[in-house]
N, C-alpha and C. Protein backbone atom coordinates (compact mmCIF):
# COMPACT_ATOMS: atom_id res chain seq x y z
N UNK A 1 -1.19 11.38 -7.36
CA UNK A 1 -0.23 11.07 -8.41
C UNK A 1 1.12 10.74 -7.77
N UNK A 2 1.76 9.72 -8.25
CA UNK A 2 3.07 9.29 -7.74
C UNK A 2 4.17 10.19 -8.32
N UNK A 3 5.31 10.23 -7.62
CA UNK A 3 6.47 10.93 -8.16
C UNK A 3 7.00 10.16 -9.36
N UNK A 4 8.01 10.74 -9.97
CA UNK A 4 8.59 10.11 -11.15
C UNK A 4 9.32 8.82 -10.81
N UNK A 5 9.91 8.74 -9.62
CA UNK A 5 10.59 7.51 -9.18
C UNK A 5 10.27 7.24 -7.72
N UNK A 6 10.39 5.99 -7.26
CA UNK A 6 10.21 5.69 -5.84
C UNK A 6 11.28 6.39 -5.01
N UNK A 7 10.93 6.81 -3.81
CA UNK A 7 11.84 7.50 -2.90
C UNK A 7 12.12 6.60 -1.71
N UNK A 8 13.40 6.31 -1.46
CA UNK A 8 13.79 5.46 -0.34
C UNK A 8 13.30 6.09 0.97
N UNK A 9 12.68 5.25 1.82
CA UNK A 9 12.15 5.70 3.10
C UNK A 9 10.68 6.09 3.05
N UNK A 10 10.14 6.22 1.87
CA UNK A 10 8.75 6.64 1.69
C UNK A 10 7.79 5.48 1.98
N UNK A 11 6.63 5.80 2.54
CA UNK A 11 5.57 4.81 2.75
C UNK A 11 4.61 4.90 1.58
N UNK A 12 4.39 3.77 0.93
CA UNK A 12 3.46 3.69 -0.20
C UNK A 12 2.39 2.67 0.14
N UNK A 13 1.32 2.65 -0.65
CA UNK A 13 0.25 1.69 -0.39
C UNK A 13 -0.14 0.93 -1.64
N UNK A 14 -0.64 -0.27 -1.39
CA UNK A 14 -1.19 -1.10 -2.45
C UNK A 14 -2.64 -1.38 -2.15
N UNK A 15 -3.40 -1.68 -3.15
CA UNK A 15 -4.82 -1.99 -2.98
C UNK A 15 -5.14 -3.26 -3.75
N UNK A 16 -6.04 -4.06 -3.20
CA UNK A 16 -6.45 -5.29 -3.86
C UNK A 16 -7.85 -5.65 -3.37
N UNK A 17 -8.48 -6.59 -4.05
CA UNK A 17 -9.81 -7.09 -3.67
C UNK A 17 -10.73 -7.13 -4.87
N UNK A 18 -11.71 -7.99 -4.78
CA UNK A 18 -12.70 -8.11 -5.85
C UNK A 18 -14.06 -7.61 -5.36
N UNK A 19 -14.65 -8.33 -4.40
CA UNK A 19 -15.91 -7.88 -3.82
C UNK A 19 -15.69 -7.04 -2.57
N UNK A 20 -14.46 -6.91 -2.17
CA UNK A 20 -14.09 -6.09 -1.02
C UNK A 20 -12.80 -5.36 -1.39
N UNK A 21 -12.47 -4.32 -0.64
CA UNK A 21 -11.26 -3.54 -0.91
C UNK A 21 -10.35 -3.60 0.29
N UNK A 22 -9.07 -3.87 0.07
CA UNK A 22 -8.09 -3.96 1.14
C UNK A 22 -6.84 -3.17 0.77
N UNK A 23 -6.26 -2.52 1.76
CA UNK A 23 -5.03 -1.75 1.57
C UNK A 23 -3.88 -2.43 2.31
N UNK A 24 -2.70 -2.33 1.73
CA UNK A 24 -1.46 -2.80 2.36
C UNK A 24 -0.47 -1.65 2.28
N UNK A 25 0.42 -1.58 3.27
CA UNK A 25 1.40 -0.50 3.32
C UNK A 25 2.82 -1.06 3.21
N UNK A 26 3.69 -0.30 2.56
CA UNK A 26 5.07 -0.72 2.32
C UNK A 26 6.01 0.48 2.50
N UNK A 27 7.22 0.18 2.93
CA UNK A 27 8.27 1.18 2.93
C UNK A 27 9.20 0.86 1.77
N UNK A 28 9.59 1.88 1.00
CA UNK A 28 10.56 1.71 -0.07
C UNK A 28 11.93 1.67 0.61
N UNK A 29 12.63 0.52 0.51
CA UNK A 29 13.93 0.43 1.19
C UNK A 29 15.11 0.53 0.23
N UNK A 30 14.88 0.38 -1.06
CA UNK A 30 15.92 0.67 -2.04
C UNK A 30 15.28 0.81 -3.41
N UNK A 31 15.98 1.50 -4.29
CA UNK A 31 15.52 1.66 -5.66
C UNK A 31 16.74 1.81 -6.55
N UNK A 32 16.82 0.95 -7.58
CA UNK A 32 17.93 1.00 -8.51
C UNK A 32 17.44 0.56 -9.88
N UNK A 33 17.67 1.40 -10.88
CA UNK A 33 17.23 1.07 -12.23
C UNK A 33 15.73 1.00 -12.31
N UNK A 34 15.21 -0.18 -12.63
CA UNK A 34 13.76 -0.39 -12.67
C UNK A 34 13.29 -1.28 -11.53
N UNK A 35 14.10 -1.49 -10.50
CA UNK A 35 13.77 -2.40 -9.42
C UNK A 35 13.72 -1.68 -8.08
N UNK A 36 12.65 -1.93 -7.34
CA UNK A 36 12.51 -1.37 -6.00
C UNK A 36 12.41 -2.53 -5.01
N UNK A 37 12.95 -2.33 -3.83
CA UNK A 37 12.80 -3.30 -2.75
C UNK A 37 11.85 -2.68 -1.73
N UNK A 38 10.83 -3.46 -1.36
CA UNK A 38 9.80 -3.00 -0.44
C UNK A 38 9.80 -3.85 0.83
N UNK A 39 9.45 -3.22 1.95
CA UNK A 39 9.22 -3.92 3.21
C UNK A 39 7.76 -3.70 3.57
N UNK A 40 7.00 -4.79 3.65
CA UNK A 40 5.60 -4.67 4.05
C UNK A 40 5.54 -4.23 5.51
N UNK A 41 4.57 -3.37 5.82
CA UNK A 41 4.39 -2.84 7.17
C UNK A 41 3.01 -3.27 7.66
N UNK A 42 2.94 -3.69 8.91
CA UNK A 42 1.64 -4.04 9.49
C UNK A 42 0.74 -2.81 9.50
N UNK A 43 -0.56 -3.04 9.52
CA UNK A 43 -1.49 -1.92 9.55
C UNK A 43 -2.31 -1.95 10.83
N UNK A 44 -2.75 -0.78 11.25
CA UNK A 44 -3.59 -0.63 12.42
C UNK A 44 -4.98 -0.21 11.97
N UNK A 45 -5.98 -0.82 12.58
CA UNK A 45 -7.37 -0.44 12.29
C UNK A 45 -7.74 0.68 13.25
N UNK A 46 -8.33 1.73 12.72
CA UNK A 46 -8.75 2.85 13.54
C UNK A 46 -10.27 3.02 13.42
N UNK A 47 -10.90 3.61 14.41
CA UNK A 47 -12.35 3.82 14.32
C UNK A 47 -12.70 4.60 13.06
N UNK A 48 -13.75 4.18 12.41
CA UNK A 48 -14.16 4.80 11.16
C UNK A 48 -15.10 5.97 11.43
N UNK A 49 -14.92 7.03 10.68
CA UNK A 49 -15.85 8.15 10.74
C UNK A 49 -16.91 8.00 9.64
N UNK A 50 -16.82 6.94 8.87
CA UNK A 50 -17.79 6.68 7.81
C UNK A 50 -19.12 6.24 8.43
N UNK A 51 -20.17 6.44 7.71
CA UNK A 51 -21.49 6.08 8.21
C UNK A 51 -21.82 4.60 8.03
N UNK A 52 -20.96 3.87 7.33
CA UNK A 52 -21.23 2.47 7.06
C UNK A 52 -20.42 1.58 7.98
N UNK A 53 -21.03 0.64 8.66
CA UNK A 53 -20.27 -0.26 9.56
C UNK A 53 -19.41 -1.27 8.82
N UNK A 54 -19.57 -1.35 7.50
CA UNK A 54 -18.79 -2.31 6.72
C UNK A 54 -17.44 -1.74 6.30
N UNK A 55 -17.11 -0.54 6.78
CA UNK A 55 -15.87 0.14 6.39
C UNK A 55 -15.07 0.48 7.64
N UNK A 56 -13.74 0.23 7.59
CA UNK A 56 -12.85 0.64 8.67
C UNK A 56 -11.69 1.42 8.07
N UNK A 57 -11.06 2.24 8.89
CA UNK A 57 -9.88 2.97 8.47
C UNK A 57 -8.63 2.18 8.83
N UNK A 58 -7.63 2.25 8.00
CA UNK A 58 -6.35 1.61 8.30
C UNK A 58 -5.21 2.60 8.06
N UNK A 59 -4.19 2.49 8.91
CA UNK A 59 -2.97 3.30 8.78
C UNK A 59 -1.79 2.36 8.99
N UNK A 60 -0.61 2.70 8.48
CA UNK A 60 0.55 1.84 8.70
C UNK A 60 1.03 1.95 10.14
N UNK A 61 1.46 0.82 10.70
CA UNK A 61 2.10 0.84 12.02
C UNK A 61 3.60 0.99 11.80
N UNK A 62 4.36 0.89 12.85
CA UNK A 62 5.81 0.98 12.69
C UNK A 62 6.46 -0.40 12.64
N UNK A 63 5.65 -1.46 12.66
CA UNK A 63 6.15 -2.84 12.69
C UNK A 63 6.23 -3.45 11.30
N UNK A 64 7.41 -3.95 10.92
CA UNK A 64 7.51 -4.64 9.62
C UNK A 64 6.78 -5.98 9.66
N UNK A 65 6.44 -6.47 8.48
CA UNK A 65 5.76 -7.76 8.36
C UNK A 65 6.45 -8.57 7.26
N UNK A 66 6.96 -9.73 7.61
CA UNK A 66 7.62 -10.58 6.63
C UNK A 66 8.97 -10.05 6.20
N UNK A 67 9.46 -10.63 5.11
CA UNK A 67 10.77 -10.27 4.58
C UNK A 67 10.62 -9.25 3.45
N UNK A 68 11.64 -8.41 3.25
CA UNK A 68 11.61 -7.49 2.10
C UNK A 68 11.54 -8.26 0.79
N UNK A 69 10.97 -7.65 -0.22
CA UNK A 69 10.88 -8.28 -1.53
C UNK A 69 11.16 -7.23 -2.61
N UNK A 70 11.60 -7.72 -3.76
CA UNK A 70 11.98 -6.84 -4.87
C UNK A 70 10.95 -6.99 -5.99
N UNK A 71 10.55 -5.86 -6.56
CA UNK A 71 9.60 -5.87 -7.68
C UNK A 71 10.05 -4.87 -8.74
N UNK A 72 9.71 -5.18 -9.97
CA UNK A 72 10.00 -4.27 -11.07
C UNK A 72 9.01 -3.10 -11.01
N UNK A 73 9.50 -1.93 -11.31
CA UNK A 73 8.69 -0.71 -11.31
C UNK A 73 8.41 -0.32 -12.76
N UNK A 74 7.15 0.00 -13.04
CA UNK A 74 6.77 0.45 -14.37
C UNK A 74 6.46 1.94 -14.30
N UNK A 75 6.86 2.65 -15.32
CA UNK A 75 6.69 4.09 -15.36
C UNK A 75 5.65 4.47 -16.42
N UNK A 76 4.83 5.47 -16.11
CA UNK A 76 3.87 5.98 -17.07
C UNK A 76 3.70 7.48 -16.86
N UNK A 77 2.77 8.09 -17.54
CA UNK A 77 2.61 9.54 -17.45
C UNK A 77 2.11 10.00 -16.08
N UNK A 78 1.61 9.08 -15.26
CA UNK A 78 1.13 9.43 -13.92
C UNK A 78 2.20 9.25 -12.85
N UNK A 79 3.33 8.66 -13.19
CA UNK A 79 4.39 8.37 -12.22
C UNK A 79 4.83 6.93 -12.35
N UNK A 80 4.78 6.17 -11.24
CA UNK A 80 5.21 4.78 -11.28
C UNK A 80 4.20 3.90 -10.56
N UNK A 81 4.22 2.62 -10.92
CA UNK A 81 3.40 1.60 -10.27
C UNK A 81 4.23 0.33 -10.15
N UNK A 82 3.81 -0.55 -9.26
CA UNK A 82 4.51 -1.82 -9.08
C UNK A 82 3.53 -2.84 -8.52
N UNK A 83 3.92 -4.10 -8.53
CA UNK A 83 3.13 -5.15 -7.89
C UNK A 83 3.42 -5.14 -6.40
N UNK A 84 2.45 -5.58 -5.62
CA UNK A 84 2.63 -5.70 -4.18
C UNK A 84 3.12 -7.08 -3.79
N UNK A 85 2.79 -7.47 -2.57
CA UNK A 85 3.27 -8.76 -2.07
C UNK A 85 2.47 -9.94 -2.60
N UNK A 86 1.33 -9.70 -3.24
CA UNK A 86 0.61 -10.80 -3.90
C UNK A 86 0.31 -10.39 -5.34
N UNK A 87 -0.03 -11.35 -6.15
CA UNK A 87 -0.18 -11.09 -7.59
C UNK A 87 -1.40 -10.24 -7.93
N UNK A 88 -2.33 -10.08 -7.01
CA UNK A 88 -3.55 -9.32 -7.29
C UNK A 88 -3.43 -7.85 -6.88
N UNK A 89 -2.38 -7.51 -6.21
CA UNK A 89 -2.25 -6.19 -5.63
C UNK A 89 -1.31 -5.31 -6.43
N UNK A 90 -1.69 -4.04 -6.57
CA UNK A 90 -0.82 -3.07 -7.21
C UNK A 90 -0.45 -1.97 -6.24
N UNK A 91 0.83 -1.62 -6.19
CA UNK A 91 1.26 -0.47 -5.40
C UNK A 91 1.01 0.75 -6.26
N UNK A 92 0.10 1.61 -5.79
CA UNK A 92 -0.39 2.67 -6.67
C UNK A 92 -0.31 4.07 -6.09
N UNK A 93 0.09 4.23 -4.84
CA UNK A 93 0.08 5.57 -4.28
C UNK A 93 1.04 5.77 -3.14
N UNK A 94 1.30 7.03 -2.84
CA UNK A 94 2.11 7.42 -1.70
C UNK A 94 1.17 7.72 -0.56
N UNK A 95 1.44 7.14 0.62
CA UNK A 95 0.59 7.41 1.79
C UNK A 95 0.87 8.81 2.28
N UNK A 96 -0.17 9.61 2.41
CA UNK A 96 -0.01 11.01 2.79
C UNK A 96 -0.52 11.31 4.19
N UNK A 97 -0.63 10.28 5.03
CA UNK A 97 -0.99 10.49 6.43
C UNK A 97 -2.45 10.33 6.77
N UNK A 98 -3.30 10.21 5.79
CA UNK A 98 -4.73 10.04 6.03
C UNK A 98 -5.09 8.56 6.03
N UNK A 99 -6.03 8.12 6.88
CA UNK A 99 -6.44 6.71 6.86
C UNK A 99 -7.01 6.33 5.50
N UNK A 100 -6.76 5.09 5.13
CA UNK A 100 -7.39 4.52 3.93
C UNK A 100 -8.58 3.70 4.40
N UNK A 101 -9.68 3.81 3.70
CA UNK A 101 -10.90 3.12 4.10
C UNK A 101 -11.00 1.80 3.35
N UNK A 102 -11.11 0.70 4.13
CA UNK A 102 -11.20 -0.62 3.51
C UNK A 102 -12.37 -1.38 4.09
N UNK A 103 -12.67 -2.51 3.49
CA UNK A 103 -13.77 -3.37 3.96
C UNK A 103 -13.46 -3.90 5.34
N UNK A 104 -14.46 -3.89 6.20
CA UNK A 104 -14.30 -4.38 7.56
C UNK A 104 -14.31 -5.91 7.55
N UNK A 105 -13.52 -6.54 8.44
CA UNK A 105 -13.55 -8.01 8.53
C UNK A 105 -14.96 -8.53 8.79
N UNK A 106 -15.31 -9.58 8.09
CA UNK A 106 -16.62 -10.22 8.27
C UNK A 106 -17.75 -9.59 7.50
N UNK A 107 -17.47 -8.59 6.68
CA UNK A 107 -18.57 -7.92 5.94
C UNK A 107 -18.54 -8.25 4.46
N UNK A 108 -17.71 -9.16 4.03
CA UNK A 108 -17.58 -9.46 2.60
C UNK A 108 -17.83 -10.91 2.36
């Protein structure tokens, strides 16, 4: 569950995909009113402990990717959500240090 508002400096994640699942990581770099500014962060692939070769773990690296962007934040009873860097992606969670499991390249 997300907090009531975005927290500056926090790493959050977005998820997208139709026949495959992909995660993206962002740092919240500002928040004012209903608008948050996010900086996309590159991700690192780590060896998967899953039994399926079609799944890999990803974690955020310390390297930014692209330019910061601003998105409107929507609030609900679960906390807040926002759009990611593409129209199909939703920023839906706070990264808590554990790898996120996504589809491996070439398996979709």
